[in-house]
């Protein structure tokens, strides 16, 4: 059975491009009923990706107290725009900022109380990482899954502050409540104990 997003187009984002209105399709998987919200996750997909078939992942986060939002980037999935083309850097980051800002406004997210996390896959990982550096006071942590960037010398040490996460490794690598993270990633955990 395929998991569907409970809310499709909840933010109703519309932007203008070349004199025409373009829909930026958004999705939401709210916190499971009866749970206190532990944080908000914004998902950035990779090149050629889209969000419609990612609901299964965010269902798990919602069942653990995280409010989840996703955006089909301009030109991808169910969003309008020139197909398969990431626009200029300024257009991409403008769309992402609008996405997060509209969610904060509509759902009255208090960043002082409710932390905001970015989850990026592939090129979305690069976008999430760069977004967090541009707006460090807004983002509490970033999870980059197969990020689309090269690791330079001391890269992780220099930007470790931007990589604090809700511990996605623990979320996905625990079995019967036993944390398998440290057993699975001994070198990673030894070098970056503050991230696990």
C-alpha atoms as a PDB file:
ATOM      1  CA  UNK A   1       0.000   0.000   0.000  1.00  0.00           C
ATOM      2  CA  UNK A   2       1.397   3.363  -1.014  1.00  0.00           C
ATOM      3  CA  UNK A   3       1.430   6.069   1.657  1.00  0.00           C
ATOM      4  CA  UNK A   4      -0.185   9.337   0.558  1.00  0.00           C
ATOM      5  CA  UNK A   5       0.423  12.832   1.887  1.00  0.00           C
ATOM      6  CA  UNK A   6      -2.503  13.799   4.142  1.00  0.00           C
ATOM      7  CA  UNK A   7      -2.285  17.417   2.959  1.00  0.00           C
ATOM      8  CA  UNK A   8      -1.497  18.384  -0.642  1.00  0.00           C
ATOM      9  CA  UNK A   9      -0.913  22.058  -1.536  1.00  0.00           C
ATOM     10  CA  UNK A  10      -1.486  23.282   2.041  1.00  0.00           C
ATOM     11  CA  UNK A  11       0.594  26.439   1.523  1.00  0.00           C
ATOM     12  CA  UNK A  12      -0.831  27.298  -1.913  1.00  0.00           C
ATOM     13  CA  UNK A  13       2.444  28.860  -3.062  1.00  0.00           C
ATOM     14  CA  UNK A  14       2.165  30.817  -6.282  1.00  0.00           C
ATOM     15  CA  UNK A  15       5.012  32.764  -7.873  1.00  0.00           C
ATOM     16  CA  UNK A  16       5.332  34.674 -11.107  1.00  0.00           C
ATOM     17  CA  UNK A  17       7.685  33.640 -13.893  1.00  0.00           C
ATOM     18  CA  UNK A  18       7.845  35.264 -17.321  1.00  0.00           C
ATOM     19  CA  UNK A  19       4.532  36.999 -16.701  1.00  0.00           C
ATOM     20  CA  UNK A  20       2.686  33.788 -15.797  1.00  0.00           C
ATOM     21  CA  UNK A  21       1.623  32.353 -12.456  1.00  0.00           C
ATOM     22  CA  UNK A  22       3.534  29.233 -11.415  1.00  0.00           C
ATOM     23  CA  UNK A  23       2.304  26.802  -8.755  1.00  0.00           C
ATOM     24  CA  UNK A  24       4.903  25.517  -6.289  1.00  0.00           C
ATOM     25  CA  UNK A  25       3.327  22.313  -4.981  1.00  0.00           C
ATOM     26  CA  UNK A  26       3.712  21.700  -1.265  1.00  0.00           C
ATOM     27  CA  UNK A  27       2.869  18.744   0.954  1.00  0.00           C
ATOM     28  CA  UNK A  28       2.404  18.309   4.688  1.00  0.00           C
ATOM     29  CA  UNK A  29       2.420  15.351   7.038  1.00  0.00           C
ATOM     30  CA  UNK A  30       1.251  16.756  10.390  1.00  0.00           C
ATOM     31  CA  UNK A  31       2.247  15.440  13.786  1.00  0.00           C
ATOM     32  CA  UNK A  32       0.228  12.383  14.731  1.00  0.00           C
ATOM     33  CA  UNK A  33      -2.867  13.199  16.766  1.00  0.00           C
ATOM     34  CA  UNK A  34      -2.246  13.364  20.498  1.00  0.00           C
ATOM     35  CA  UNK A  35       1.515  13.994  20.200  1.00  0.00           C
ATOM     36  CA  UNK A  36       3.327  17.170  21.157  1.00  0.00           C
ATOM     37  CA  UNK A  37       5.283  18.680  18.254  1.00  0.00           C
ATOM     38  CA  UNK A  38       9.007  18.095  18.796  1.00  0.00           C
ATOM     39  CA  UNK A  39      10.109  19.991  15.693  1.00  0.00           C
ATOM     40  CA  UNK A  40       9.379  20.834  12.081  1.00  0.00           C
ATOM     41  CA  UNK A  41      11.134  19.198   9.125  1.00  0.00           C
ATOM     42  CA  UNK A  42      11.366  20.775   5.664  1.00  0.00           C
ATOM     43  CA  UNK A  43      12.332  18.402   2.857  1.00  0.00           C
ATOM     44  CA  UNK A  44      14.340  19.449  -0.230  1.00  0.00           C
ATOM     45  CA  UNK A  45      14.394  16.796  -2.978  1.00  0.00           C
ATOM     46  CA  UNK A  46      17.263  16.158  -5.376  1.00  0.00           C
ATOM     47  CA  UNK A  47      17.757  16.831  -9.074  1.00  0.00           C
ATOM     48  CA  UNK A  48      15.065  15.005 -11.023  1.00  0.00           C
ATOM     49  CA  UNK A  49      13.218  14.199  -7.805  1.00  0.00           C
ATOM     50  CA  UNK A  50       9.855  15.190  -6.434  1.00  0.00           C
ATOM     51  CA  UNK A  51       7.951  14.637  -3.214  1.00  0.00           C
ATOM     52  CA  UNK A  52       4.715  12.847  -4.035  1.00  0.00           C
ATOM     53  CA  UNK A  53       6.142   9.368  -3.379  1.00  0.00           C
ATOM     54  CA  UNK A  54       8.139  10.302  -0.252  1.00  0.00           C
ATOM     55  CA  UNK A  55       5.190  10.391   2.138  1.00  0.00           C
ATOM     56  CA  UNK A  56       6.103   7.010   3.678  1.00  0.00           C
ATOM     57  CA  UNK A  57       9.286   8.515   5.118  1.00  0.00           C
ATOM     58  CA  UNK A  58       7.571  11.512   6.646  1.00  0.00           C
ATOM     59  CA  UNK A  59       4.759   9.386   8.059  1.00  0.00           C
ATOM     60  CA  UNK A  60       7.418   7.877  10.338  1.00  0.00           C
ATOM     61  CA  UNK A  61       8.620  11.297  11.445  1.00  0.00           C
ATOM     62  CA  UNK A  62       5.037  12.484  12.052  1.00  0.00           C
ATOM     63  CA  UNK A  63       4.393   9.421  14.215  1.00  0.00           C
ATOM     64  CA  UNK A  64       7.417  10.463  16.285  1.00  0.00           C
ATOM     65  CA  UNK A  65       6.306  14.052  16.838  1.00  0.00           C
ATOM     66  CA  UNK A  66       7.636  15.965  13.820  1.00  0.00           C
ATOM     67  CA  UNK A  67       5.543  18.191  11.579  1.00  0.00           C
ATOM     68  CA  UNK A  68       6.801  17.600   8.013  1.00  0.00           C
ATOM     69  CA  UNK A  69       6.658  19.786   4.920  1.00  0.00           C
ATOM     70  CA  UNK A  70       7.909  19.109   1.390  1.00  0.00           C
ATOM     71  CA  UNK A  71       8.120  21.156  -1.791  1.00  0.00           C
ATOM     72  CA  UNK A  72       8.284  20.087  -5.421  1.00  0.00           C
ATOM     73  CA  UNK A  73      10.846  22.576  -6.689  1.00  0.00           C
ATOM     74  CA  UNK A  74       9.993  24.797  -9.637  1.00  0.00           C
ATOM     75  CA  UNK A  75      10.034  22.643 -12.792  1.00  0.00           C
ATOM     76  CA  UNK A  76       9.792  19.311 -10.933  1.00  0.00           C
ATOM     77  CA  UNK A  77       7.004  16.973  -9.861  1.00  0.00           C
ATOM     78  CA  UNK A  78       3.647  18.702  -9.603  1.00  0.00           C
ATOM     79  CA  UNK A  79       5.085  22.231  -9.601  1.00  0.00           C
ATOM     80  CA  UNK A  80       4.944  24.483 -12.634  1.00  0.00           C
ATOM     81  CA  UNK A  81       7.895  26.016 -14.419  1.00  0.00           C
ATOM     82  CA  UNK A  82      10.299  24.846 -17.089  1.00  0.00           C
ATOM     83  CA  UNK A  83      10.520  21.057 -16.701  1.00  0.00           C
ATOM     84  CA  UNK A  84      13.662  19.563 -15.216  1.00  0.00           C
ATOM     85  CA  UNK A  85      15.572  22.817 -14.900  1.00  0.00           C
ATOM     86  CA  UNK A  86      16.829  24.302 -11.656  1.00  0.00           C
ATOM     87  CA  UNK A  87      16.603  28.041 -12.162  1.00  0.00           C
ATOM     88  CA  UNK A  88      19.274  30.467 -10.985  1.00  0.00           C
ATOM     89  CA  UNK A  89      20.604  30.205  -7.455  1.00  0.00           C
ATOM     90  CA  UNK A  90      18.642  33.301  -6.424  1.00  0.00           C
ATOM     91  CA  UNK A  91      15.350  31.847  -7.757  1.00  0.00           C
ATOM     92  CA  UNK A  92      15.899  28.480  -6.035  1.00  0.00           C
ATOM     93  CA  UNK A  93      16.744  30.029  -2.663  1.00  0.00           C
ATOM     94  CA  UNK A  94      13.914  32.555  -3.004  1.00  0.00           C
ATOM     95  CA  UNK A  95      11.453  29.673  -3.527  1.00  0.00           C
ATOM     96  CA  UNK A  96      12.856  27.738  -0.564  1.00  0.00           C
ATOM     97  CA  UNK A  97      12.728  30.789   1.701  1.00  0.00           C
ATOM     98  CA  UNK A  98       9.134  31.499   0.628  1.00  0.00           C
ATOM     99  CA  UNK A  99       8.245  27.841   1.318  1.00  0.00           C
ATOM    100  CA  UNK A 100       9.581  27.958   4.883  1.00  0.00           C
ATOM    101  CA  UNK A 101       8.292  31.460   5.624  1.00  0.00           C
ATOM    102  CA  UNK A 102       4.735  30.625   4.481  1.00  0.00           C
ATOM    103  CA  UNK A 103       4.684  27.476   6.632  1.00  0.00           C
ATOM    104  CA  UNK A 104       5.913  29.444   9.669  1.00  0.00           C
ATOM    105  CA  UNK A 105       3.231  32.080   9.106  1.00  0.00           C
ATOM    106  CA  UNK A 106       0.312  29.756   8.317  1.00  0.00           C
ATOM    107  CA  UNK A 107       0.966  27.266  11.129  1.00  0.00           C
ATOM    108  CA  UNK A 108       2.241  29.881  13.610  1.00  0.00           C
ATOM    109  CA  UNK A 109       5.528  28.059  14.205  1.00  0.00           C
ATOM    110  CA  UNK A 110       7.411  29.691  17.066  1.00  0.00           C
ATOM    111  CA  UNK A 111      11.095  29.055  16.296  1.00  0.00           C
ATOM    112  CA  UNK A 112      12.009  29.866  19.919  1.00  0.00           C
ATOM    113  CA  UNK A 113       9.978  26.857  21.070  1.00  0.00           C
ATOM    114  CA  UNK A 114       9.804  24.559  18.034  1.00  0.00           C
ATOM    115  CA  UNK A 115      13.103  23.786  16.261  1.00  0.00           C
ATOM    116  CA  UNK A 116      13.250  23.777  12.470  1.00  0.00           C
ATOM    117  CA  UNK A 117      15.253  21.118  10.626  1.00  0.00           C
ATOM    118  CA  UNK A 118      16.111  20.690   6.971  1.00  0.00           C
ATOM    119  CA  UNK A 119      16.250  17.282   5.324  1.00  0.00           C
ATOM    120  CA  UNK A 120      17.909  17.269   1.906  1.00  0.00           C
ATOM    121  CA  UNK A 121      18.567  14.403  -0.465  1.00  0.00           C
ATOM    122  CA  UNK A 122      21.290  14.578  -3.140  1.00  0.00           C
ATOM    123  CA  UNK A 123      21.163  18.083  -4.647  1.00  0.00           C
ATOM    124  CA  UNK A 124      18.585  18.865  -1.973  1.00  0.00           C
ATOM    125  CA  UNK A 125      21.303  18.089   0.581  1.00  0.00           C
ATOM    126  CA  UNK A 126      23.518  20.752  -0.957  1.00  0.00           C
ATOM    127  CA  UNK A 127      20.598  23.204  -0.987  1.00  0.00           C
ATOM    128  CA  UNK A 128      19.695  22.414   2.630  1.00  0.00           C
ATOM    129  CA  UNK A 129      23.284  22.838   3.776  1.00  0.00           C
ATOM    130  CA  UNK A 130      23.734  26.158   1.941  1.00  0.00           C
ATOM    131  CA  UNK A 131      20.334  27.403   3.125  1.00  0.00           C
ATOM    132  CA  UNK A 132      21.293  26.680   6.742  1.00  0.00           C
ATOM    133  CA  UNK A 133      24.500  28.687   6.323  1.00  0.00           C
ATOM    134  CA  UNK A 134      22.584  31.615   4.814  1.00  0.00           C
ATOM    135  CA  UNK A 135      19.990  31.590   7.620  1.00  0.00           C
ATOM    136  CA  UNK A 136      21.799  30.110  10.656  1.00  0.00           C
ATOM    137  CA  UNK A 137      19.417  31.645  13.201  1.00  0.00           C
ATOM    138  CA  UNK A 138      16.414  30.010  11.538  1.00  0.00           C
ATOM    139  CA  UNK A 139      17.626  26.420  11.196  1.00  0.00           C
ATOM    140  CA  UNK A 140      18.438  24.158  14.171  1.00  0.00           C
ATOM    141  CA  UNK A 141      19.913  21.289  12.164  1.00  0.00           C
ATOM    142  CA  UNK A 142      20.379  19.677   8.778  1.00  0.00           C
ATOM    143  CA  UNK A 143      20.287  16.084   7.564  1.00  0.00           C
ATOM    144  CA  UNK A 144      22.058  15.666   4.225  1.00  0.00           C
ATOM    145  CA  UNK A 145      21.347  12.302   2.600  1.00  0.00           C
ATOM    146  CA  UNK A 146      23.905  11.529  -0.137  1.00  0.00           C
ATOM    147  CA  UNK A 147      24.609  15.266  -0.476  1.00  0.00           C
ATOM    148  CA  UNK A 148      25.717  16.565  -3.830  1.00  0.00           C
ATOM    149  CA  UNK A 149      28.988  18.154  -2.766  1.00  0.00           C
ATOM    150  CA  UNK A 150      32.615  17.226  -2.414  1.00  0.00           C
ATOM    151  CA  UNK A 151      34.195  17.041   1.023  1.00  0.00           C
ATOM    152  CA  UNK A 152      37.139  19.362   1.308  1.00  0.00           C
ATOM    153  CA  UNK A 153      39.824  19.236   3.989  1.00  0.00           C
ATOM    154  CA  UNK A 154      38.344  20.040   7.415  1.00  0.00           C
ATOM    155  CA  UNK A 155      34.949  20.699   5.781  1.00  0.00           C
ATOM    156  CA  UNK A 156      32.925  18.868   8.427  1.00  0.00           C
ATOM    157  CA  UNK A 157      34.929  20.361  11.287  1.00  0.00           C
ATOM    158  CA  UNK A 158      34.483  23.895   9.930  1.00  0.00           C
ATOM    159  CA  UNK A 159      30.718  23.574   9.441  1.00  0.00           C
ATOM    160  CA  UNK A 160      29.817  21.070  12.175  1.00  0.00           C
ATOM    161  CA  UNK A 161      27.514  23.655  13.778  1.00  0.00           C
ATOM    162  CA  UNK A 162      25.273  23.424  10.706  1.00  0.00           C
ATOM    163  CA  UNK A 163      25.047  19.639  10.846  1.00  0.00           C
ATOM    164  CA  UNK A 164      23.290  19.187  14.193  1.00  0.00           C
ATOM    165  CA  UNK A 165      20.271  17.050  13.478  1.00  0.00           C
ATOM    166  CA  UNK A 166      17.437  15.284  15.223  1.00  0.00           C
ATOM    167  CA  UNK A 167      19.681  12.239  14.973  1.00  0.00           C
ATOM    168  CA  UNK A 168      18.337  10.644  11.823  1.00  0.00           C
ATOM    169  CA  UNK A 169      20.827   7.795  12.165  1.00  0.00           C
ATOM    170  CA  UNK A 170      19.347   6.799  15.506  1.00  0.00           C
ATOM    171  CA  UNK A 171      15.836   7.087  14.069  1.00  0.00           C
ATOM    172  CA  UNK A 172      16.584   4.684  11.226  1.00  0.00           C
ATOM    173  CA  UNK A 173      19.207   2.447  12.804  1.00  0.00           C
ATOM    174  CA  UNK A 174      17.590   1.284  16.003  1.00  0.00           C
ATOM    175  CA  UNK A 175      16.251  -2.211  16.300  1.00  0.00           C
ATOM    176  CA  UNK A 176      13.741  -3.141  18.992  1.00  0.00           C
ATOM    177  CA  UNK A 177      14.561   0.102  20.793  1.00  0.00           C
ATOM    178  CA  UNK A 178      18.302  -0.680  20.887  1.00  0.00           C
ATOM    179  CA  UNK A 179      20.465   2.039  19.361  1.00  0.00           C
ATOM    180  CA  UNK A 180      22.674   0.496  16.663  1.00  0.00           C
ATOM    181  CA  UNK A 181      24.127   3.849  15.542  1.00  0.00           C
ATOM    182  CA  UNK A 182      27.455   3.614  17.322  1.00  0.00           C
ATOM    183  CA  UNK A 183      27.962   0.013  16.285  1.00  0.00           C
ATOM    184  CA  UNK A 184      27.193   0.882  12.672  1.00  0.00           C
ATOM    185  CA  UNK A 185      29.276   4.026  12.481  1.00  0.00           C
ATOM    186  CA  UNK A 186      32.229   3.688  14.906  1.00  0.00           C
ATOM    187  CA  UNK A 187      34.631   5.935  12.982  1.00  0.00           C
ATOM    188  CA  UNK A 188      31.981   8.579  12.409  1.00  0.00           C
ATOM    189  CA  UNK A 189      30.909   8.505  16.058  1.00  0.00           C
ATOM    190  CA  UNK A 190      34.465   8.701  17.347  1.00  0.00           C
ATOM    191  CA  UNK A 191      35.309  11.736  15.215  1.00  0.00           C
ATOM    192  CA  UNK A 192      31.943  13.536  15.597  1.00  0.00           C
ATOM    193  CA  UNK A 193      30.435  12.437  18.936  1.00  0.00           C
ATOM    194  CA  UNK A 194      28.439  15.684  19.209  1.00  0.00           C
ATOM    195  CA  UNK A 195      26.471  14.757  16.069  1.00  0.00           C
ATOM    196  CA  UNK A 196      25.199  11.364  17.282  1.00  0.00           C
END
